C-alpha cells in the first residue's frame, strides 16, 4: 500500500482558488467557513472540478488539516 502524500501542486492550486459565485464570491476556498462546507456537503457539492475542490477543502477542515495551507499562504 502506498503512503498518501498530499500533492504540493494541488494544495497550491487549492490555496489560490476563489469561490466563483454566491455569498462567498471571491473568497479563497481554504477560507470558506466550515459550516458552509458542511451545508454544501448536505446539499451536494457541484459537479466537476469545483465540486471536487470543495469536497477536498471540506475533508481538510473537518480533519483539522488547515495547517497544510499555512506555508502556501505566504507565497
C-alpha atoms as a PDB file:
ATOM      1  CA  UNK A   1       0.000   0.000   0.000  1.00  0.00           C
ATOM      2  CA  UNK A   2       1.349   3.429  -0.955  1.00  0.00           C
ATOM      3  CA  UNK A   3       1.701   6.210   1.584  1.00  0.00           C
ATOM      4  CA  UNK A   4      -0.722   9.015   0.856  1.00  0.00           C
ATOM      5  CA  UNK A   5       1.250  12.221   0.436  1.00  0.00           C
ATOM      6  CA  UNK A   6      -0.510  15.449  -0.487  1.00  0.00           C
ATOM      7  CA  UNK A   7       0.456  16.727  -3.939  1.00  0.00           C
ATOM      8  CA  UNK A   8       2.015  20.153  -3.273  1.00  0.00           C
ATOM      9  CA  UNK A   9       0.911  21.438  -6.703  1.00  0.00           C
ATOM     10  CA  UNK A  10      -2.709  20.574  -5.976  1.00  0.00           C
ATOM     11  CA  UNK A  11      -2.509  22.077  -2.489  1.00  0.00           C
ATOM     12  CA  UNK A  12      -1.101  25.269  -4.008  1.00  0.00           C
ATOM     13  CA  UNK A  13      -3.950  25.335  -6.507  1.00  0.00           C
ATOM     14  CA  UNK A  14      -6.494  24.836  -3.709  1.00  0.00           C
ATOM     15  CA  UNK A  15      -4.829  27.634  -1.717  1.00  0.00           C
ATOM     16  CA  UNK A  16      -5.170  30.098  -4.620  1.00  0.00           C
ATOM     17  CA  UNK A  17      -8.643  29.236  -5.955  1.00  0.00           C
ATOM     18  CA  UNK A  18     -11.530  31.525  -5.074  1.00  0.00           C
ATOM     19  CA  UNK A  19     -15.226  30.807  -4.851  1.00  0.00           C
ATOM     20  CA  UNK A  20     -16.719  31.803  -8.226  1.00  0.00           C
ATOM     21  CA  UNK A  21     -20.278  32.579  -7.090  1.00  0.00           C
ATOM     22  CA  UNK A  22     -22.715  33.112  -4.240  1.00  0.00           C
ATOM     23  CA  UNK A  23     -22.390  34.632  -0.805  1.00  0.00           C
ATOM     24  CA  UNK A  24     -18.670  33.841  -0.688  1.00  0.00           C
ATOM     25  CA  UNK A  25     -17.835  35.100  -4.183  1.00  0.00           C
ATOM     26  CA  UNK A  26     -14.105  35.874  -4.328  1.00  0.00           C
ATOM     27  CA  UNK A  27     -13.290  34.113  -1.038  1.00  0.00           C
ATOM     28  CA  UNK A  28     -10.404  31.671  -1.150  1.00  0.00           C
ATOM     29  CA  UNK A  29     -11.735  28.119  -0.922  1.00  0.00           C
ATOM     30  CA  UNK A  30      -9.451  27.472   2.049  1.00  0.00           C
ATOM     31  CA  UNK A  31     -11.070  30.435   3.845  1.00  0.00           C
ATOM     32  CA  UNK A  32     -14.658  29.232   3.414  1.00  0.00           C
ATOM     33  CA  UNK A  33     -16.293  28.667   6.801  1.00  0.00           C
ATOM     34  CA  UNK A  34     -16.638  25.033   7.816  1.00  0.00           C
ATOM     35  CA  UNK A  35     -20.416  25.343   8.457  1.00  0.00           C
ATOM     36  CA  UNK A  36     -20.855  26.472   4.840  1.00  0.00           C
ATOM     37  CA  UNK A  37     -18.907  23.448   3.589  1.00  0.00           C
ATOM     38  CA  UNK A  38     -20.968  21.139   5.823  1.00  0.00           C
ATOM     39  CA  UNK A  39     -24.151  22.675   4.414  1.00  0.00           C
ATOM     40  CA  UNK A  40     -22.862  22.283   0.887  1.00  0.00           C
ATOM     41  CA  UNK A  41     -21.977  18.649   1.543  1.00  0.00           C
ATOM     42  CA  UNK A  42     -25.521  18.004   2.754  1.00  0.00           C
ATOM     43  CA  UNK A  43     -26.985  19.719  -0.328  1.00  0.00           C
ATOM     44  CA  UNK A  44     -24.486  18.107  -2.686  1.00  0.00           C
ATOM     45  CA  UNK A  45     -21.251  19.555  -3.995  1.00  0.00           C
ATOM     46  CA  UNK A  46     -21.450  20.976  -7.511  1.00  0.00           C
ATOM     47  CA  UNK A  47     -20.348  18.761 -10.373  1.00  0.00           C
ATOM     48  CA  UNK A  48     -16.913  18.992 -11.910  1.00  0.00           C
ATOM     49  CA  UNK A  49     -13.608  20.318 -10.715  1.00  0.00           C
ATOM     50  CA  UNK A  50     -15.070  22.931  -8.364  1.00  0.00           C
ATOM     51  CA  UNK A  51     -17.090  20.277  -6.573  1.00  0.00           C
ATOM     52  CA  UNK A  52     -14.020  18.073  -6.188  1.00  0.00           C
ATOM     53  CA  UNK A  53     -12.029  21.001  -4.805  1.00  0.00           C
ATOM     54  CA  UNK A  54     -14.784  21.950  -2.356  1.00  0.00           C
ATOM     55  CA  UNK A  55     -15.038  18.351  -1.200  1.00  0.00           C
ATOM     56  CA  UNK A  56     -11.286  18.305  -0.634  1.00  0.00           C
ATOM     57  CA  UNK A  57     -11.446  21.546   1.382  1.00  0.00           C
ATOM     58  CA  UNK A  58     -14.321  20.058   3.383  1.00  0.00           C
ATOM     59  CA  UNK A  59     -12.194  17.000   4.239  1.00  0.00           C
ATOM     60  CA  UNK A  60      -9.238  19.208   5.138  1.00  0.00           C
ATOM     61  CA  UNK A  61     -11.335  21.298   7.525  1.00  0.00           C
ATOM     62  CA  UNK A  62     -13.255  18.505   9.247  1.00  0.00           C
ATOM     63  CA  UNK A  63      -9.997  16.637   9.810  1.00  0.00           C
ATOM     64  CA  UNK A  64      -8.148  19.668  11.185  1.00  0.00           C
ATOM     65  CA  UNK A  65      -5.592  19.788   8.383  1.00  0.00           C
ATOM     66  CA  UNK A  66      -5.767  23.517   7.622  1.00  0.00           C
ATOM     67  CA  UNK A  67      -2.134  23.813   8.709  1.00  0.00           C
ATOM     68  CA  UNK A  68      -1.187  22.232   5.365  1.00  0.00           C
ATOM     69  CA  UNK A  69      -2.043  25.559   3.742  1.00  0.00           C
ATOM     70  CA  UNK A  70      -0.053  27.784   6.105  1.00  0.00           C
ATOM     71  CA  UNK A  71       3.185  27.715   4.074  1.00  0.00           C
ATOM     72  CA  UNK A  72       1.217  28.251   0.872  1.00  0.00           C
ATOM     73  CA  UNK A  73      -0.477  31.397   2.157  1.00  0.00           C
ATOM     74  CA  UNK A  74       2.864  33.168   2.456  1.00  0.00           C
ATOM     75  CA  UNK A  75       3.706  32.797  -1.248  1.00  0.00           C
END
